[in-house]
Amino acid sequence: PPAMHDVLNHFDAVENHVIEIYHNELGTDEIRIKIAAKVPTE
């Protein structure tokens, strides 16, 4: 997680974030990151 936090801290536009780890249907790791942004754009 610290490496991913560091990447997200690079962006001033990201106000907050969480990282979720879960297993997919194959039993392998998946990562889902939720971010709150000042101006959420594609």
PDB file of all heavy atoms in Angstrom:
ATOM      1  N   PRO A   1       0.784  -1.238   0.000  1.00  0.00           N
ATOM      2  CA  PRO A   1       0.000   0.000   0.000  1.00  0.00           C
ATOM      3  C   PRO A   1       0.819   1.294   0.000  1.00  0.00           C
ATOM      4  O   PRO A   1       0.437   2.241  -0.696  1.00  0.00           O
ATOM      5  CB  PRO A   1      -0.854  -0.126   1.266  1.00  0.00           C
ATOM      6  CG  PRO A   1      -1.030  -1.595   1.438  1.00  0.00           C
ATOM      7  CD  PRO A   1       0.275  -2.206   0.992  1.00  0.00           C
ATOM      8  N   PRO A   2       1.961   1.399   0.760  1.00  0.00           N
ATOM      9  CA  PRO A   2       2.678   2.679   0.743  1.00  0.00           C
ATOM     10  C   PRO A   2       3.071   3.158  -0.647  1.00  0.00           C
ATOM     11  O   PRO A   2       3.050   4.358  -0.925  1.00  0.00           O
ATOM     12  CB  PRO A   2       3.916   2.388   1.603  1.00  0.00           C
ATOM     13  CG  PRO A   2       3.460   1.327   2.552  1.00  0.00           C
ATOM     14  CD  PRO A   2       2.545   0.457   1.741  1.00  0.00           C
ATOM     15  N   ALA A   3       3.421   2.233  -1.544  1.00  0.00           N
ATOM     16  CA  ALA A   3       3.801   2.630  -2.903  1.00  0.00           C
ATOM     17  C   ALA A   3       2.610   3.229  -3.643  1.00  0.00           C
ATOM     18  O   ALA A   3       2.756   4.198  -4.399  1.00  0.00           O
ATOM     19  CB  ALA A   3       4.345   1.423  -3.661  1.00  0.00           C
ATOM     20  N   MET A   4       1.417   2.679  -3.423  1.00  0.00           N
ATOM     21  CA  MET A   4       0.216   3.213  -4.084  1.00  0.00           C
ATOM     22  C   MET A   4      -0.205   4.544  -3.469  1.00  0.00           C
ATOM     23  O   MET A   4      -0.635   5.462  -4.183  1.00  0.00           O
ATOM     24  CB  MET A   4      -0.909   2.176  -4.002  1.00  0.00           C
ATOM     25  CG  MET A   4      -0.636   0.943  -4.851  1.00  0.00           C
ATOM     26  SD  MET A   4      -2.039  -0.204  -4.925  1.00  0.00           S
ATOM     27  CE  MET A   4      -1.887  -0.999  -3.330  1.00  0.00           C
ATOM     28  N   HIS A   5      -0.077   4.656  -2.132  1.00  0.00           N
ATOM     29  CA  HIS A   5      -0.370   5.948  -1.494  1.00  0.00           C
ATOM     30  C   HIS A   5       0.532   7.029  -2.073  1.00  0.00           C
ATOM     31  O   HIS A   5       0.097   8.155  -2.320  1.00  0.00           O
ATOM     32  CB  HIS A   5      -0.146   5.856   0.021  1.00  0.00           C
ATOM     33  CG  HIS A   5      -1.111   4.975   0.744  1.00  0.00           C
ATOM     34  ND1 HIS A   5      -2.470   5.009   0.529  1.00  0.00           N
ATOM     35  CD2 HIS A   5      -0.917   4.037   1.709  1.00  0.00           C
ATOM     36  CE1 HIS A   5      -3.072   4.133   1.310  1.00  0.00           C
ATOM     37  NE2 HIS A   5      -2.150   3.522   2.032  1.00  0.00           N
ATOM     38  N   ASP A   6       1.793   6.684  -2.300  1.00  0.00           N
ATOM     39  CA  ASP A   6       2.759   7.653  -2.806  1.00  0.00           C
ATOM     40  C   ASP A   6       2.362   8.130  -4.205  1.00  0.00           C
ATOM     41  O   ASP A   6       2.474   9.319  -4.523  1.00  0.00           O
ATOM     42  CB  ASP A   6       4.153   7.016  -2.831  1.00  0.00           C
ATOM     43  CG  ASP A   6       5.263   8.043  -2.682  1.00  0.00           C
ATOM     44  OD1 ASP A   6       5.038   9.055  -1.998  1.00  0.00           O
ATOM     45  OD2 ASP A   6       6.347   7.839  -3.252  1.00  0.00           O
ATOM     46  N   VAL A   7       1.909   7.220  -5.051  1.00  0.00           N
ATOM     47  CA  VAL A   7       1.454   7.595  -6.397  1.00  0.00           C
ATOM     48  C   VAL A   7       0.270   8.559  -6.312  1.00  0.00           C
ATOM     49  O   VAL A   7       0.234   9.590  -6.993  1.00  0.00           O
ATOM     50  CB  VAL A   7       1.066   6.334  -7.203  1.00  0.00           C
ATOM     51  CG1 VAL A   7       0.313   6.721  -8.474  1.00  0.00           C
ATOM     52  CG2 VAL A   7       2.313   5.529  -7.554  1.00  0.00           C
ATOM     53  N   LEU A   8      -0.690   8.251  -5.451  1.00  0.00           N
ATOM     54  CA  LEU A   8      -1.886   9.095  -5.343  1.00  0.00           C
ATOM     55  C   LEU A   8      -1.566  10.453  -4.734  1.00  0.00           C
ATOM     56  O   LEU A   8      -2.203  11.460  -5.068  1.00  0.00           O
ATOM     57  CB  LEU A   8      -2.958   8.360  -4.519  1.00  0.00           C
ATOM     58  CG  LEU A   8      -3.515   7.107  -5.219  1.00  0.00           C
ATOM     59  CD1 LEU A   8      -4.219   6.208  -4.230  1.00  0.00           C
ATOM     60  CD2 LEU A   8      -4.459   7.496  -6.351  1.00  0.00           C
ATOM     61  N   ASN A   9      -0.576  10.502  -3.845  1.00  0.00           N
ATOM     62  CA  ASN A   9      -0.180  11.781  -3.248  1.00  0.00           C
ATOM     63  C   ASN A   9       0.446  12.727  -4.269  1.00  0.00           C
ATOM     64  O   ASN A   9       0.588  13.928  -4.012  1.00  0.00           O
ATOM     65  CB  ASN A   9       0.818  11.548  -2.101  1.00  0.00           C
ATOM     66  CG  ASN A   9       0.147  11.027  -0.850  1.00  0.00           C
ATOM     67  OD1 ASN A   9      -1.021  11.295  -0.607  1.00  0.00           O
ATOM     68  ND2 ASN A   9       0.892  10.278  -0.042  1.00  0.00           N
ATOM     69  N   HIS A  10       0.806  12.199  -5.426  1.00  0.00           N
ATOM     70  CA  HIS A  10       1.382  13.031  -6.487  1.00  0.00           C
ATOM     71  C   HIS A  10       0.363  14.024  -7.046  1.00  0.00           C
ATOM     72  O   HIS A  10       0.744  15.082  -7.554  1.00  0.00           O
ATOM     73  CB  HIS A  10       1.897  12.115  -7.607  1.00  0.00           C
ATOM     74  CG  HIS A  10       2.393  12.834  -8.819  1.00  0.00           C
ATOM     75  ND1 HIS A  10       3.619  13.463  -8.860  1.00  0.00           N
ATOM     76  CD2 HIS A  10       1.811  13.041 -10.030  1.00  0.00           C
ATOM     77  CE1 HIS A  10       3.785  14.016 -10.048  1.00  0.00           C
ATOM     78  NE2 HIS A  10       2.712  13.770 -10.775  1.00  0.00           N
ATOM     79  N   PHE A  11      -0.916  13.703  -6.938  1.00  0.00           N
ATOM     80  CA  PHE A  11      -1.961  14.492  -7.605  1.00  0.00           C
ATOM     81  C   PHE A  11      -2.645  15.444  -6.621  1.00  0.00           C
ATOM     82  O   PHE A  11      -3.354  15.016  -5.714  1.00  0.00           O
ATOM     83  CB  PHE A  11      -3.000  13.559  -8.248  1.00  0.00           C
ATOM     84  CG  PHE A  11      -2.445  12.744  -9.377  1.00  0.00           C
ATOM     85  CD1 PHE A  11      -1.893  11.488  -9.129  1.00  0.00           C
ATOM     86  CD2 PHE A  11      -2.423  13.230 -10.670  1.00  0.00           C
ATOM     87  CE1 PHE A  11      -1.358  10.739 -10.164  1.00  0.00           C
ATOM     88  CE2 PHE A  11      -1.894  12.489 -11.712  1.00  0.00           C
ATOM     89  CZ  PHE A  11      -1.358  11.242 -11.464  1.00  0.00           C
ATOM     90  N   ASP A  12      -2.415  16.741  -6.831  1.00  0.00           N
ATOM     91  CA  ASP A  12      -3.066  17.747  -5.991  1.00  0.00           C
ATOM     92  C   ASP A  12      -4.584  17.705  -6.140  1.00  0.00           C
ATOM     93  O   ASP A  12      -5.321  18.084  -5.230  1.00  0.00           O
ATOM     94  CB  ASP A  12      -2.566  19.155  -6.354  1.00  0.00           C
ATOM     95  CG  ASP A  12      -1.114  19.358  -5.960  1.00  0.00           C
ATOM     96  OD1 ASP A  12      -0.671  18.710  -4.992  1.00  0.00           O
ATOM     97  OD2 ASP A  12      -0.429  20.159  -6.617  1.00  0.00           O
ATOM     98  N   ALA A  13      -5.052  17.255  -7.301  1.00  0.00           N
ATOM     99  CA  ALA A  13      -6.499  17.227  -7.560  1.00  0.00           C
ATOM    100  C   ALA A  13      -7.217  16.157  -6.737  1.00  0.00           C
ATOM    101  O   ALA A  13      -8.432  16.207  -6.566  1.00  0.00           O
ATOM    102  CB  ALA A  13      -6.758  16.988  -9.049  1.00  0.00           C
ATOM    103  N   VAL A  14      -6.456  15.170  -6.220  1.00  0.00           N
ATOM    104  CA  VAL A  14      -7.055  14.103  -5.411  1.00  0.00           C
ATOM    105  C   VAL A  14      -7.125  14.570  -3.964  1.00  0.00           C
ATOM    106  O   VAL A  14      -6.104  14.780  -3.313  1.00  0.00           O
ATOM    107  CB  VAL A  14      -6.241  12.796  -5.529  1.00  0.00           C
ATOM    108  CG1 VAL A  14      -6.806  11.736  -4.587  1.00  0.00           C
ATOM    109  CG2 VAL A  14      -6.247  12.296  -6.963  1.00  0.00           C
ATOM    110  N   GLU A  15      -8.341  14.742  -3.463  1.00  0.00           N
ATOM    111  CA  GLU A  15      -8.539  15.241  -2.100  1.00  0.00           C
ATOM    112  C   GLU A  15      -8.465  14.131  -1.058  1.00  0.00           C
ATOM    113  O   GLU A  15      -8.063  14.361   0.075  1.00  0.00           O
ATOM    114  CB  GLU A  15      -9.885  15.953  -2.004  1.00  0.00           C
ATOM    115  CG  GLU A  15      -9.976  17.213  -2.844  1.00  0.00           C
ATOM    116  CD  GLU A  15     -11.260  17.963  -2.621  1.00  0.00           C
ATOM    117  OE1 GLU A  15     -12.314  17.483  -3.080  1.00  0.00           O
ATOM    118  OE2 GLU A  15     -11.220  19.028  -1.978  1.00  0.00           O
ATOM    119  N   ASN A  16      -8.880  12.943  -1.444  1.00  0.00           N
ATOM    120  CA  ASN A  16      -8.861  11.818  -0.510  1.00  0.00           C
ATOM    121  C   ASN A  16      -8.894  10.533  -1.318  1.00  0.00           C
ATOM    122  O   ASN A  16      -9.289  10.534  -2.499  1.00  0.00           O
ATOM    123  CB  ASN A  16     -10.059  11.884   0.447  1.00  0.00           C
ATOM    124  CG  ASN A  16      -9.729  11.324   1.821  1.00  0.00           C
ATOM    125  OD1 ASN A  16      -8.785  10.553   1.977  1.00  0.00           O
ATOM    126  ND2 ASN A  16     -10.497  11.701   2.824  1.00  0.00           N
ATOM    127  N   HIS A  17      -8.491   9.435  -0.682  1.00  0.00           N
ATOM    128  CA  HIS A  17      -8.530   8.164  -1.397  1.00  0.00           C
ATOM    129  C   HIS A  17      -8.552   7.006  -0.421  1.00  0.00           C
ATOM    130  O   HIS A  17      -8.130   7.139   0.737  1.00  0.00           O
ATOM    131  CB  HIS A  17      -7.311   8.025  -2.320  1.00  0.00           C
ATOM    132  CG  HIS A  17      -6.021   7.810  -1.590  1.00  0.00           C
ATOM    133  ND1 HIS A  17      -5.196   8.848  -1.200  1.00  0.00           N
ATOM    134  CD2 HIS A  17      -5.395   6.670  -1.158  1.00  0.00           C
ATOM    135  CE1 HIS A  17      -4.144   8.370  -0.576  1.00  0.00           C
ATOM    136  NE2 HIS A  17      -4.232   7.048  -0.528  1.00  0.00           N
ATOM    137  N   VAL A  18      -9.056   5.861  -0.889  1.00  0.00           N
ATOM    138  CA  VAL A  18      -8.948   4.596  -0.161  1.00  0.00           C
ATOM    139  C   VAL A  18      -8.555   3.513  -1.158  1.00  0.00           C
ATOM    140  O   VAL A  18      -8.850   3.611  -2.358  1.00  0.00           O
ATOM    141  CB  VAL A  18     -10.256   4.194   0.561  1.00  0.00           C
ATOM    142  CG1 VAL A  18     -10.632   5.220   1.617  1.00  0.00           C
ATOM    143  CG2 VAL A  18     -11.383   3.981  -0.428  1.00  0.00           C
ATOM    144  N   ILE A  19      -7.883   2.494  -0.653  1.00  0.00           N
ATOM    145  CA  ILE A  19      -7.470   1.351  -1.466  1.00  0.00           C
ATOM    146  C   ILE A  19      -8.159   0.112  -0.918  1.00  0.00           C
ATOM    147  O   ILE A  19      -8.080  -0.163   0.285  1.00  0.00           O
ATOM    148  CB  ILE A  19      -5.940   1.171  -1.421  1.00  0.00           C
ATOM    149  CG1 ILE A  19      -5.237   2.419  -1.966  1.00  0.00           C
ATOM    150  CG2 ILE A  19      -5.518  -0.080  -2.197  1.00  0.00           C
ATOM    151  CD1 ILE A  19      -3.740   2.435  -1.706  1.00  0.00           C
ATOM    152  N   GLU A  20      -8.848  -0.612  -1.779  1.00  0.00           N
ATOM    153  CA  GLU A  20      -9.533  -1.848  -1.374  1.00  0.00           C
ATOM    154  C   GLU A  20      -8.908  -3.031  -2.111  1.00  0.00           C
ATOM    155  O   GLU A  20      -8.686  -2.976  -3.323  1.00  0.00           O
ATOM    156  CB  GLU A  20     -11.022  -1.764  -1.708  1.00  0.00           C
ATOM    157  CG  GLU A  20     -11.757  -0.663  -0.958  1.00  0.00           C
ATOM    158  CD  GLU A  20     -13.224  -0.569  -1.341  1.00  0.00           C
ATOM    159  OE1 GLU A  20     -13.592  -1.022  -2.450  1.00  0.00           O
ATOM    160  OE2 GLU A  20     -14.012  -0.033  -0.537  1.00  0.00           O
ATOM    161  N   ILE A  21      -8.628  -4.086  -1.376  1.00  0.00           N
ATOM    162  CA  ILE A  21      -8.065  -5.308  -1.950  1.00  0.00           C
ATOM    163  C   ILE A  21      -9.072  -6.439  -1.732  1.00  0.00           C
ATOM    164  O   ILE A  21      -9.594  -6.601  -0.633  1.00  0.00           O
ATOM    165  CB  ILE A  21      -6.726  -5.691  -1.304  1.00  0.00           C
ATOM    166  CG1 ILE A  21      -5.773  -4.477  -1.273  1.00  0.00           C
ATOM    167  CG2 ILE A  21      -6.081  -6.855  -2.043  1.00  0.00           C
ATOM    168  CD1 ILE A  21      -5.418  -3.938  -2.628  1.00  0.00           C
ATOM    169  N   TYR A  22      -9.324  -7.208  -2.782  1.00  0.00           N
ATOM    170  CA  TYR A  22     -10.265  -8.327  -2.656  1.00  0.00           C
ATOM    171  C   TYR A  22      -9.865  -9.416  -3.644  1.00  0.00           C
ATOM    172  O   TYR A  22      -9.033  -9.203  -4.542  1.00  0.00           O
ATOM    173  CB  TYR A  22     -11.694  -7.851  -2.916  1.00  0.00           C
ATOM    174  CG  TYR A  22     -11.914  -7.246  -4.290  1.00  0.00           C
ATOM    175  CD1 TYR A  22     -12.401  -8.001  -5.346  1.00  0.00           C
ATOM    176  CD2 TYR A  22     -11.614  -5.903  -4.528  1.00  0.00           C
ATOM    177  CE1 TYR A  22     -12.597  -7.451  -6.602  1.00  0.00           C
ATOM    178  CE2 TYR A  22     -11.799  -5.335  -5.774  1.00  0.00           C
ATOM    179  CZ  TYR A  22     -12.291  -6.113  -6.817  1.00  0.00           C
ATOM    180  OH  TYR A  22     -12.461  -5.561  -8.069  1.00  0.00           O
ATOM    181  N   HIS A  23     -10.433 -10.597  -3.483  1.00  0.00           N
ATOM    182  CA  HIS A  23     -10.180 -11.693  -4.412  1.00  0.00           C
ATOM    183  C   HIS A  23     -11.257 -11.720  -5.490  1.00  0.00           C
ATOM    184  O   HIS A  23     -12.450 -11.567  -5.192  1.00  0.00           O
ATOM    185  CB  HIS A  23     -10.178 -13.039  -3.671  1.00  0.00           C
ATOM    186  CG  HIS A  23      -8.900 -13.319  -2.953  1.00  0.00           C
ATOM    187  ND1 HIS A  23      -8.804 -14.172  -1.866  1.00  0.00           N
ATOM    188  CD2 HIS A  23      -7.637 -12.875  -3.172  1.00  0.00           C
ATOM    189  CE1 HIS A  23      -7.542 -14.221  -1.454  1.00  0.00           C
ATOM    190  NE2 HIS A  23      -6.831 -13.438  -2.220  1.00  0.00           N
ATOM    191  N   ASN A  24     -10.838 -11.918  -6.745  1.00  0.00           N
ATOM    192  CA  ASN A  24     -11.812 -12.079  -7.828  1.00  0.00           C
ATOM    193  C   ASN A  24     -12.296 -13.527  -7.887  1.00  0.00           C
ATOM    194  O   ASN A  24     -11.946 -14.340  -7.035  1.00  0.00           O
ATOM    195  CB  ASN A  24     -11.213 -11.625  -9.167  1.00  0.00           C
ATOM    196  CG  ASN A  24      -9.952 -12.418  -9.528  1.00  0.00           C
ATOM    197  OD1 ASN A  24      -9.762 -13.557  -9.092  1.00  0.00           O
ATOM    198  ND2 ASN A  24      -9.091 -11.812 -10.338  1.00  0.00           N
ATOM    199  N   GLU A  25     -13.086 -13.830  -8.906  1.00  0.00           N
ATOM    200  CA  GLU A  25     -13.685 -15.168  -8.982  1.00  0.00           C
ATOM    201  C   GLU A  25     -12.638 -16.261  -9.199  1.00  0.00           C
ATOM    202  O   GLU A  25     -12.900 -17.449  -8.960  1.00  0.00           O
ATOM    203  CB  GLU A  25     -14.731 -15.218 -10.101  1.00  0.00           C
ATOM    204  CG  GLU A  25     -14.185 -14.952 -11.502  1.00  0.00           C
ATOM    205  CD  GLU A  25     -14.094 -13.458 -11.808  1.00  0.00           C
ATOM    206  OE1 GLU A  25     -14.333 -12.646 -10.896  1.00  0.00           O
ATOM    207  OE2 GLU A  25     -13.777 -13.128 -12.964  1.00  0.00           O
ATOM    208  N   LEU A  26     -11.427 -15.877  -9.615  1.00  0.00           N
ATOM    209  CA  LEU A  26     -10.347 -16.848  -9.802  1.00  0.00           C
ATOM    210  C   LEU A  26      -9.508 -17.016  -8.548  1.00  0.00           C
ATOM    211  O   LEU A  26      -8.582 -17.827  -8.504  1.00  0.00           O
ATOM    212  CB  LEU A  26      -9.449 -16.421 -10.971  1.00  0.00           C
ATOM    213  CG  LEU A  26     -10.121 -16.312 -12.344  1.00  0.00           C
ATOM    214  CD1 LEU A  26      -9.123 -15.782 -13.366  1.00  0.00           C
ATOM    215  CD2 LEU A  26     -10.687 -17.659 -12.769  1.00  0.00           C
ATOM    216  N   GLY A  27      -9.814 -16.214  -7.522  1.00  0.00           N
ATOM    217  CA  GLY A  27      -9.074 -16.301  -6.270  1.00  0.00           C
ATOM    218  C   GLY A  27      -7.790 -15.497  -6.249  1.00  0.00           C
ATOM    219  O   GLY A  27      -6.976 -15.650  -5.330  1.00  0.00           O
ATOM    220  N   THR A  28      -7.573 -14.649  -7.243  1.00  0.00           N
ATOM    221  CA  THR A  28      -6.374 -13.812  -7.273  1.00  0.00           C
ATOM    222  C   THR A  28      -6.700 -12.390  -6.798  1.00  0.00           C
ATOM    223  O   THR A  28      -7.871 -11.982  -6.753  1.00  0.00           O
ATOM    224  CB  THR A  28      -5.770 -13.755  -8.692  1.00  0.00           C
ATOM    225  OG1 THR A  28      -6.755 -13.237  -9.602  1.00  0.00           O
ATOM    226  CG2 THR A  28      -5.347 -15.144  -9.140  1.00  0.00           C
ATOM    227  N   ASP A  29      -5.651 -11.640  -6.459  1.00  0.00           N
ATOM    228  CA  ASP A  29      -5.836 -10.308  -5.885  1.00  0.00           C
ATOM    229  C   ASP A  29      -6.334  -9.293  -6.911  1.00  0.00           C
ATOM    230  O   ASP A  29      -5.849  -9.263  -8.055  1.00  0.00           O
ATOM    231  CB  ASP A  29      -4.521  -9.781  -5.296  1.00  0.00           C
ATOM    232  CG  ASP A  29      -4.086 -10.535  -4.054  1.00  0.00           C
ATOM    233  OD1 ASP A  29      -4.913 -11.294  -3.507  1.00  0.00           O
ATOM    234  OD2 ASP A  29      -2.922 -10.361  -3.632  1.00  0.00           O
ATOM    235  N   GLU A  30      -7.286  -8.486  -6.492  1.00  0.00           N
ATOM    236  CA  GLU A  30      -7.755  -7.347  -7.279  1.00  0.00           C
ATOM    237  C   GLU A  30      -7.619  -6.086  -6.435  1.00  0.00           C
ATOM    238  O   GLU A  30      -7.731  -6.126  -5.204  1.00  0.00           O
ATOM    239  CB  GLU A  30      -9.211  -7.521  -7.697  1.00  0.00           C
ATOM    240  CG  GLU A  30      -9.428  -8.545  -8.798  1.00  0.00           C
ATOM    241  CD  GLU A  30      -8.990  -8.065 -10.172  1.00  0.00           C
ATOM    242  OE1 GLU A  30      -8.607  -6.875 -10.297  1.00  0.00           O
ATOM    243  OE2 GLU A  30      -9.013  -8.873 -11.117  1.00  0.00           O
ATOM    244  N   ILE A  31      -7.366  -4.973  -7.108  1.00  0.00           N
ATOM    245  CA  ILE A  31      -7.210  -3.683  -6.426  1.00  0.00           C
ATOM    246  C   ILE A  31      -8.271  -2.725  -6.950  1.00  0.00           C
ATOM    247  O   ILE A  31      -8.422  -2.561  -8.164  1.00  0.00           O
ATOM    248  CB  ILE A  31      -5.816  -3.078  -6.683  1.00  0.00           C
ATOM    249  CG1 ILE A  31      -4.711  -4.048  -6.280  1.00  0.00           C
ATOM    250  CG2 ILE A  31      -5.661  -1.746  -5.949  1.00  0.00           C
ATOM    251  CD1 ILE A  31      -3.317  -3.599  -6.703  1.00  0.00           C
ATOM    252  N   ARG A  32      -8.986  -2.100  -6.033  1.00  0.00           N
ATOM    253  CA  ARG A  32      -9.951  -1.055  -6.394  1.00  0.00           C
ATOM    254  C   ARG A  32      -9.599   0.193  -5.590  1.00  0.00           C
ATOM    255  O   ARG A  32      -9.536   0.149  -4.359  1.00  0.00           O
ATOM    256  CB  ARG A  32     -11.382  -1.494  -6.113  1.00  0.00           C
ATOM    257  CG  ARG A  32     -12.431  -0.414  -6.433  1.00  0.00           C
ATOM    258  CD  ARG A  32     -13.843  -0.971  -6.352  1.00  0.00           C
ATOM    259  NE  ARG A  32     -14.086  -1.634  -5.090  1.00  0.00           N
ATOM    260  CZ  ARG A  32     -14.570  -2.880  -4.969  1.00  0.00           C
ATOM    261  NH1 ARG A  32     -14.849  -3.593  -6.039  1.00  0.00           N
ATOM    262  NH2 ARG A  32     -14.757  -3.418  -3.775  1.00  0.00           N
ATOM    263  N   ILE A  33      -9.371   1.287  -6.278  1.00  0.00           N
ATOM    264  CA  ILE A  33      -9.029   2.543  -5.620  1.00  0.00           C
ATOM    265  C   ILE A  33     -10.169   3.538  -5.819  1.00  0.00           C
ATOM    266  O   ILE A  33     -10.619   3.766  -6.952  1.00  0.00           O
ATOM    267  CB  ILE A  33      -7.723   3.124  -6.175  1.00  0.00           C
ATOM    268  CG1 ILE A  33      -6.559   2.168  -5.878  1.00  0.00           C
ATOM    269  CG2 ILE A  33      -7.436   4.497  -5.574  1.00  0.00           C
ATOM    270  CD1 ILE A  33      -5.239   2.600  -6.465  1.00  0.00           C
ATOM    271  N   LYS A  34     -10.636   4.087  -4.723  1.00  0.00           N
ATOM    272  CA  LYS A  34     -11.688   5.105  -4.773  1.00  0.00           C
ATOM    273  C   LYS A  34     -11.057   6.453  -4.451  1.00  0.00           C
ATOM    274  O   LYS A  34     -10.341   6.585  -3.457  1.00  0.00           O
ATOM    275  CB  LYS A  34     -12.795   4.786  -3.769  1.00  0.00           C
ATOM    276  CG  LYS A  34     -13.536   3.487  -4.068  1.00  0.00           C
ATOM    277  CD  LYS A  34     -14.615   3.201  -3.028  1.00  0.00           C
ATOM    278  CE  LYS A  34     -15.358   1.913  -3.350  1.00  0.00           C
ATOM    279  NZ  LYS A  34     -16.406   1.615  -2.346  1.00  0.00           N
ATOM    280  N   ILE A  35     -11.319   7.442  -5.295  1.00  0.00           N
ATOM    281  CA  ILE A  35     -10.740   8.767  -5.092  1.00  0.00           C
ATOM    282  C   ILE A  35     -11.822   9.832  -5.078  1.00  0.00           C
ATOM    283  O   ILE A  35     -12.837   9.723  -5.762  1.00  0.00           O
ATOM    284  CB  ILE A  35      -9.684   9.103  -6.170  1.00  0.00           C
ATOM    285  CG1 ILE A  35     -10.314   9.102  -7.562  1.00  0.00           C
ATOM    286  CG2 ILE A  35      -8.512   8.143  -6.105  1.00  0.00           C
ATOM    287  CD1 ILE A  35      -9.372   9.586  -8.649  1.00  0.00           C
ATOM    288  N   ALA A  36     -11.595  10.844  -4.260  1.00  0.00           N
ATOM    289  CA  ALA A  36     -12.433  12.047  -4.268  1.00  0.00           C
ATOM    290  C   ALA A  36     -11.588  13.156  -4.880  1.00  0.00           C
ATOM    291  O   ALA A  36     -10.470  13.406  -4.429  1.00  0.00           O
ATOM    292  CB  ALA A  36     -12.867  12.419  -2.858  1.00  0.00           C
ATOM    293  N   ALA A  37     -12.100  13.785  -5.925  1.00  0.00           N
ATOM    294  CA  ALA A  37     -11.342  14.800  -6.645  1.00  0.00           C
ATOM    295  C   ALA A  37     -12.081  16.128  -6.645  1.00  0.00           C
ATOM    296  O   ALA A  37     -13.310  16.176  -6.581  1.00  0.00           O
ATOM    297  CB  ALA A  37     -11.086  14.354  -8.082  1.00  0.00           C
ATOM    298  N   LYS A  38     -11.290  17.202  -6.714  1.00  0.00           N
ATOM    299  CA  LYS A  38     -11.889  18.535  -6.765  1.00  0.00           C
ATOM    300  C   LYS A  38     -12.743  18.682  -8.016  1.00  0.00           C
ATOM    301  O   LYS A  38     -13.846  19.221  -7.969  1.00  0.00           O
ATOM    302  CB  LYS A  38     -10.772  19.589  -6.737  1.00  0.00           C
ATOM    303  CG  LYS A  38      -9.962  19.566  -5.439  1.00  0.00           C
ATOM    304  CD  LYS A  38      -8.756  20.488  -5.504  1.00  0.00           C
ATOM    305  CE  LYS A  38      -7.954  20.394  -4.205  1.00  0.00           C
ATOM    306  NZ  LYS A  38      -6.708  21.209  -4.249  1.00  0.00           N
ATOM    307  N   VAL A  39     -12.210  18.205  -9.142  1.00  0.00           N
ATOM    308  CA  VAL A  39     -12.969  18.205 -10.402  1.00  0.00           C
ATOM    309  C   VAL A  39     -12.802  16.819 -11.021  1.00  0.00           C
ATOM    310  O   VAL A  39     -11.797  16.541 -11.685  1.00  0.00           O
ATOM    311  CB  VAL A  39     -12.447  19.288 -11.371  1.00  0.00           C
ATOM    312  CG1 VAL A  39     -13.298  19.283 -12.643  1.00  0.00           C
ATOM    313  CG2 VAL A  39     -12.463  20.659 -10.725  1.00  0.00           C
ATOM    314  N   PRO A  40     -13.765  15.914 -10.789  1.00  0.00           N
ATOM    315  CA  PRO A  40     -13.642  14.550 -11.308  1.00  0.00           C
ATOM    316  C   PRO A  40     -13.874  14.501 -12.820  1.00  0.00           C
ATOM    317  O   PRO A  40     -14.991  14.738 -13.299  1.00  0.00           O
ATOM    318  CB  PRO A  40     -14.735  13.783 -10.556  1.00  0.00           C
ATOM    319  CG  PRO A  40     -15.727  14.818 -10.133  1.00  0.00           C
ATOM    320  CD  PRO A  40     -14.985  16.094  -9.966  1.00  0.00           C
ATOM    321  N   THR A  41     -12.830  14.220 -13.568  1.00  0.00           N
ATOM    322  CA  THR A  41     -12.935  14.142 -15.027  1.00  0.00           C
ATOM    323  C   THR A  41     -12.301  12.852 -15.522  1.00  0.00           C
ATOM    324  O   THR A  41     -11.453  12.254 -14.854  1.00  0.00           O
ATOM    325  CB  THR A  41     -12.223  15.321 -15.703  1.00  0.00           C
ATOM    326  OG1 THR A  41     -10.810  15.236 -15.409  1.00  0.00           O
ATOM    327  CG2 THR A  41     -12.766  16.657 -15.197  1.00  0.00           C
ATOM    328  N   GLU A  42     -12.694  12.456 -16.724  1.00  0.00           N
ATOM    329  CA  GLU A  42     -12.093  11.273 -17.338  1.00  0.00           C
ATOM    330  C   GLU A  42     -10.615  11.504 -17.634  1.00  0.00           C
ATOM    331  O   GLU A  42      -9.804  10.577 -17.582  1.00  0.00           O
ATOM    332  CB  GLU A  42     -12.842  10.920 -18.626  1.00  0.00           C
ATOM    333  CG  GLU A  42     -14.204  10.274 -18.393  1.00  0.00           C
ATOM    334  CD  GLU A  42     -14.095   8.981 -17.598  1.00  0.00           C
ATOM    335  OE1 GLU A  42     -13.192   8.166 -17.892  1.00  0.00           O
ATOM    336  OE2 GLU A  42     -14.901   8.797 -16.671  1.00  0.00           O
TER     337      GLU A  42
END
